[in-house]
Amino acid sequence: MIKPDNPGKIVWDIIGMIFILYQGILTPFRICFSQNSVGFLAGFEIFQDFYFIIDIFLSLNTGVYIEGNLEMKRQKVVIEYFKLWYVIII
């Protein structure tokens, strides 16, 4: 299990926030103006898709704070993940 305050995990999450910002701006633009991504951007967006798939598995293996206590038991982590993030992702 990965601790949520692990520096590598924090960097991973910051990269994820940048990707979400990128998609939050470019996706509506592409829909409104019927633009397709080509070249480098097409590859970059496929890379982001793989990033988010991997992020699901990392999140299931990262401890969580429950009522101020760090919980590292996989069963409780998975339950917390499905309570919040799974509903948002789907």
N, C-alpha and C. Protein backbone atom coordinates (compact mmCIF):
# COMPACT_ATOMS: atom_id res chain seq x y z
N MET A 1 0.84 -1.18 0.00
CA MET A 1 0.00 0.00 0.00
C MET A 1 0.89 1.25 0.00
N ILE A 2 0.41 2.27 -0.68
CA ILE A 2 1.13 3.54 -0.80
C ILE A 2 0.52 4.52 0.19
N LYS A 3 1.37 5.25 0.88
CA LYS A 3 0.86 6.29 1.78
C LYS A 3 0.40 7.48 0.94
N PRO A 4 -0.73 8.09 1.31
CA PRO A 4 -1.26 9.19 0.50
C PRO A 4 -0.37 10.42 0.48
N ASP A 5 0.51 10.57 1.48
CA ASP A 5 1.40 11.72 1.51
C ASP A 5 2.79 11.40 0.96
N ASN A 6 2.92 10.27 0.26
CA ASN A 6 4.16 9.91 -0.41
C ASN A 6 4.46 10.95 -1.49
N PRO A 7 5.69 11.50 -1.54
CA PRO A 7 6.01 12.54 -2.53
C PRO A 7 5.74 12.11 -3.98
N GLY A 8 6.01 10.87 -4.30
CA GLY A 8 5.74 10.37 -5.65
C GLY A 8 4.25 10.38 -5.97
N LYS A 9 3.44 10.02 -5.00
CA LYS A 9 1.98 10.02 -5.18
C LYS A 9 1.46 11.44 -5.32
N ILE A 10 2.05 12.37 -4.58
CA ILE A 10 1.63 13.77 -4.68
C ILE A 10 1.94 14.31 -6.08
N VAL A 11 3.12 14.00 -6.60
CA VAL A 11 3.48 14.43 -7.97
C VAL A 11 2.51 13.79 -8.97
N TRP A 12 2.22 12.52 -8.80
CA TRP A 12 1.28 11.81 -9.67
C TRP A 12 -0.08 12.52 -9.68
N ASP A 13 -0.56 12.92 -8.50
CA ASP A 13 -1.85 13.59 -8.39
C ASP A 13 -1.83 14.98 -9.03
N ILE A 14 -0.71 15.69 -8.90
CA ILE A 14 -0.59 17.01 -9.53
C ILE A 14 -0.63 16.87 -11.06
N ILE A 15 0.06 15.87 -11.58
CA ILE A 15 0.01 15.61 -13.03
C ILE A 15 -1.42 15.31 -13.45
N GLY A 16 -2.13 14.53 -12.64
CA GLY A 16 -3.53 14.23 -12.94
C GLY A 16 -4.39 15.48 -12.97
N MET A 17 -4.14 16.41 -12.04
CA MET A 17 -4.91 17.66 -12.04
C MET A 17 -4.63 18.48 -13.30
N ILE A 18 -3.40 18.47 -13.76
CA ILE A 18 -3.06 19.17 -15.00
C ILE A 18 -3.78 18.53 -16.18
N PHE A 19 -3.82 17.21 -16.22
CA PHE A 19 -4.52 16.51 -17.30
C PHE A 19 -6.02 16.82 -17.27
N ILE A 20 -6.60 16.87 -16.08
CA ILE A 20 -8.03 17.19 -15.96
C ILE A 20 -8.29 18.62 -16.45
N LEU A 21 -7.42 19.55 -16.10
CA LEU A 21 -7.56 20.92 -16.58
C LEU A 21 -7.47 20.97 -18.10
N TYR A 22 -6.50 20.26 -18.66
CA TYR A 22 -6.33 20.20 -20.12
C TYR A 22 -7.61 19.67 -20.78
N GLN A 23 -8.13 18.57 -20.25
CA GLN A 23 -9.33 17.98 -20.84
C GLN A 23 -10.56 18.85 -20.61
N GLY A 24 -10.61 19.54 -19.49
CA GLY A 24 -11.73 20.42 -19.21
C GLY A 24 -11.81 21.61 -20.15
N ILE A 25 -10.68 22.01 -20.69
CA ILE A 25 -10.65 23.12 -21.65
C ILE A 25 -10.81 22.62 -23.08
N LEU A 26 -10.02 21.59 -23.43
CA LEU A 26 -9.99 21.14 -24.83
C LEU A 26 -11.20 20.34 -25.25
N THR A 27 -11.78 19.55 -24.36
CA THR A 27 -12.92 18.71 -24.75
C THR A 27 -14.12 19.55 -25.19
N PRO A 28 -14.54 20.56 -24.42
CA PRO A 28 -15.65 21.39 -24.91
C PRO A 28 -15.32 22.11 -26.22
N PHE A 29 -14.07 22.55 -26.37
CA PHE A 29 -13.64 23.20 -27.60
C PHE A 29 -13.79 22.27 -28.79
N ARG A 30 -13.32 21.04 -28.62
CA ARG A 30 -13.40 20.06 -29.72
C ARG A 30 -14.86 19.75 -30.06
N ILE A 31 -15.71 19.66 -29.07
CA ILE A 31 -17.13 19.36 -29.32
C ILE A 31 -17.81 20.54 -30.02
N CYS A 32 -17.57 21.74 -29.53
CA CYS A 32 -18.23 22.93 -30.10
C CYS A 32 -17.80 23.22 -31.53
N PHE A 33 -16.53 23.02 -31.81
CA PHE A 33 -16.01 23.40 -33.12
C PHE A 33 -15.68 22.20 -34.01
N SER A 34 -16.15 21.02 -33.62
CA SER A 34 -15.94 19.78 -34.39
C SER A 34 -14.47 19.59 -34.79
N GLN A 35 -13.59 19.78 -33.82
CA GLN A 35 -12.16 19.63 -34.06
C GLN A 35 -11.69 18.26 -33.54
N ASN A 36 -10.89 17.60 -34.32
CA ASN A 36 -10.28 16.34 -33.89
C ASN A 36 -8.83 16.60 -33.52
N SER A 37 -8.33 15.83 -32.57
CA SER A 37 -6.91 15.95 -32.24
C SER A 37 -6.12 15.15 -33.26
N VAL A 38 -5.00 15.73 -33.68
CA VAL A 38 -4.13 15.08 -34.67
C VAL A 38 -2.69 15.17 -34.21
N GLY A 39 -1.88 14.30 -34.75
CA GLY A 39 -0.45 14.34 -34.47
C GLY A 39 -0.11 14.11 -33.01
N PHE A 40 0.73 15.00 -32.50
CA PHE A 40 1.21 14.89 -31.12
C PHE A 40 0.05 14.91 -30.13
N LEU A 41 -0.92 15.82 -30.34
CA LEU A 41 -2.03 15.93 -29.38
C LEU A 41 -2.86 14.67 -29.32
N ALA A 42 -3.02 13.99 -30.44
CA ALA A 42 -3.77 12.73 -30.44
C ALA A 42 -3.05 11.70 -29.57
N GLY A 43 -1.76 11.60 -29.73
CA GLY A 43 -0.96 10.67 -28.91
C GLY A 43 -0.97 11.06 -27.44
N PHE A 44 -0.89 12.37 -27.19
CA PHE A 44 -0.90 12.87 -25.83
C PHE A 44 -2.22 12.55 -25.14
N GLU A 45 -3.31 12.65 -25.85
CA GLU A 45 -4.61 12.36 -25.26
C GLU A 45 -4.80 10.86 -25.04
N ILE A 46 -4.25 10.03 -25.88
CA ILE A 46 -4.28 8.58 -25.64
C ILE A 46 -3.43 8.25 -24.40
N PHE A 47 -2.29 8.92 -24.27
CA PHE A 47 -1.44 8.75 -23.09
C PHE A 47 -2.22 9.09 -21.83
N GLN A 48 -3.00 10.17 -21.88
CA GLN A 48 -3.81 10.57 -20.73
C GLN A 48 -4.83 9.51 -20.38
N ASP A 49 -5.42 8.89 -21.37
CA ASP A 49 -6.38 7.82 -21.11
C ASP A 49 -5.72 6.68 -20.32
N PHE A 50 -4.52 6.29 -20.74
CA PHE A 50 -3.81 5.23 -20.02
C PHE A 50 -3.42 5.69 -18.62
N TYR A 51 -3.06 6.96 -18.48
CA TYR A 51 -2.72 7.52 -17.17
C TYR A 51 -3.91 7.32 -16.21
N PHE A 52 -5.11 7.67 -16.66
CA PHE A 52 -6.27 7.58 -15.78
C PHE A 52 -6.66 6.14 -15.47
N ILE A 53 -6.42 5.22 -16.39
CA ILE A 53 -6.66 3.80 -16.11
C ILE A 53 -5.70 3.32 -15.01
N ILE A 54 -4.44 3.69 -15.15
CA ILE A 54 -3.44 3.32 -14.13
C ILE A 54 -3.78 3.98 -12.81
N ASP A 55 -4.29 5.22 -12.86
CA ASP A 55 -4.63 5.95 -11.65
C ASP A 55 -5.70 5.23 -10.83
N ILE A 56 -6.61 4.58 -11.48
CA ILE A 56 -7.64 3.82 -10.75
C ILE A 56 -6.97 2.74 -9.90
N PHE A 57 -6.04 2.00 -10.49
CA PHE A 57 -5.36 0.93 -9.75
C PHE A 57 -4.47 1.50 -8.64
N LEU A 58 -3.82 2.65 -8.91
CA LEU A 58 -3.01 3.27 -7.86
C LEU A 58 -3.89 3.75 -6.70
N SER A 59 -5.04 4.31 -7.03
CA SER A 59 -5.94 4.78 -5.99
C SER A 59 -6.43 3.64 -5.11
N LEU A 60 -6.64 2.48 -5.71
CA LEU A 60 -7.08 1.32 -4.94
C LEU A 60 -5.96 0.76 -4.07
N ASN A 61 -4.73 1.21 -4.30
CA ASN A 61 -3.58 0.76 -3.53
C ASN A 61 -2.95 1.89 -2.72
N THR A 62 -3.71 2.94 -2.49
CA THR A 62 -3.23 4.08 -1.70
C THR A 62 -4.08 4.22 -0.46
N GLY A 63 -3.43 4.33 0.68
CA GLY A 63 -4.15 4.50 1.93
C GLY A 63 -5.00 5.75 1.92
N VAL A 64 -5.98 5.79 2.83
CA VAL A 64 -6.86 6.94 2.95
C VAL A 64 -6.98 7.35 4.41
N TYR A 65 -7.31 8.62 4.60
CA TYR A 65 -7.58 9.11 5.95
C TYR A 65 -9.08 9.01 6.20
N ILE A 66 -9.44 8.30 7.25
CA ILE A 66 -10.83 8.17 7.66
C ILE A 66 -10.93 8.74 9.07
N GLU A 67 -11.68 9.82 9.20
CA GLU A 67 -11.84 10.51 10.48
C GLU A 67 -10.49 10.85 11.12
N GLY A 68 -9.54 11.27 10.29
CA GLY A 68 -8.23 11.70 10.77
C GLY A 68 -7.23 10.58 10.99
N ASN A 69 -7.62 9.34 10.77
CA ASN A 69 -6.72 8.20 10.96
C ASN A 69 -6.35 7.60 9.61
N LEU A 70 -5.07 7.32 9.42
CA LEU A 70 -4.60 6.71 8.18
C LEU A 70 -5.02 5.25 8.14
N GLU A 71 -5.77 4.89 7.13
CA GLU A 71 -6.24 3.51 6.95
C GLU A 71 -5.48 2.88 5.79
N MET A 72 -4.77 1.80 6.07
CA MET A 72 -3.96 1.13 5.05
C MET A 72 -4.49 -0.27 4.70
N LYS A 73 -5.62 -0.66 5.26
CA LYS A 73 -6.19 -1.97 4.95
C LYS A 73 -6.92 -1.88 3.61
N ARG A 74 -6.55 -2.76 2.71
CA ARG A 74 -7.08 -2.71 1.35
C ARG A 74 -8.60 -2.73 1.30
N GLN A 75 -9.23 -3.55 2.12
CA GLN A 75 -10.69 -3.65 2.08
C GLN A 75 -11.34 -2.31 2.39
N LYS A 76 -10.85 -1.61 3.40
CA LYS A 76 -11.43 -0.32 3.76
C LYS A 76 -11.12 0.74 2.71
N VAL A 77 -9.93 0.67 2.13
CA VAL A 77 -9.55 1.61 1.07
C VAL A 77 -10.48 1.43 -0.13
N VAL A 78 -10.73 0.20 -0.52
CA VAL A 78 -11.59 -0.08 -1.67
C VAL A 78 -13.01 0.41 -1.38
N ILE A 79 -13.50 0.18 -0.19
CA ILE A 79 -14.85 0.64 0.17
C ILE A 79 -14.93 2.16 0.08
N GLU A 80 -13.94 2.85 0.61
CA GLU A 80 -13.92 4.32 0.55
C GLU A 80 -13.84 4.80 -0.90
N TYR A 81 -13.05 4.12 -1.70
CA TYR A 81 -12.92 4.50 -3.12
C TYR A 81 -14.27 4.38 -3.82
N PHE A 82 -14.94 3.26 -3.62
CA PHE A 82 -16.22 3.06 -4.30
C PHE A 82 -17.32 3.97 -3.76
N LYS A 83 -17.21 4.41 -2.51
CA LYS A 83 -18.20 5.35 -1.96
C LYS A 83 -18.16 6.68 -2.71
N LEU A 84 -16.98 7.12 -3.11
CA LEU A 84 -16.84 8.44 -3.69
C LEU A 84 -16.43 8.41 -5.15
N TRP A 85 -15.22 7.97 -5.43
CA TRP A 85 -14.65 8.14 -6.76
C TRP A 85 -15.29 7.29 -7.82
N TYR A 86 -15.68 6.11 -7.50
CA TYR A 86 -16.26 5.25 -8.54
C TYR A 86 -17.56 5.86 -9.08
N VAL A 87 -18.34 6.44 -8.21
CA VAL A 87 -19.60 7.07 -8.63
C VAL A 87 -19.29 8.27 -9.54
N ILE A 88 -18.27 9.05 -9.20
CA ILE A 88 -17.90 10.22 -10.00
C ILE A 88 -17.35 9.79 -11.35
N ILE A 89 -16.54 8.75 -11.39
CA ILE A 89 -15.92 8.29 -12.64
C ILE A 89 -16.97 7.73 -13.58
N ILE A 90 -17.91 6.97 -13.05
CA ILE A 90 -18.93 6.36 -13.90
C ILE A 90 -19.93 7.42 -14.23
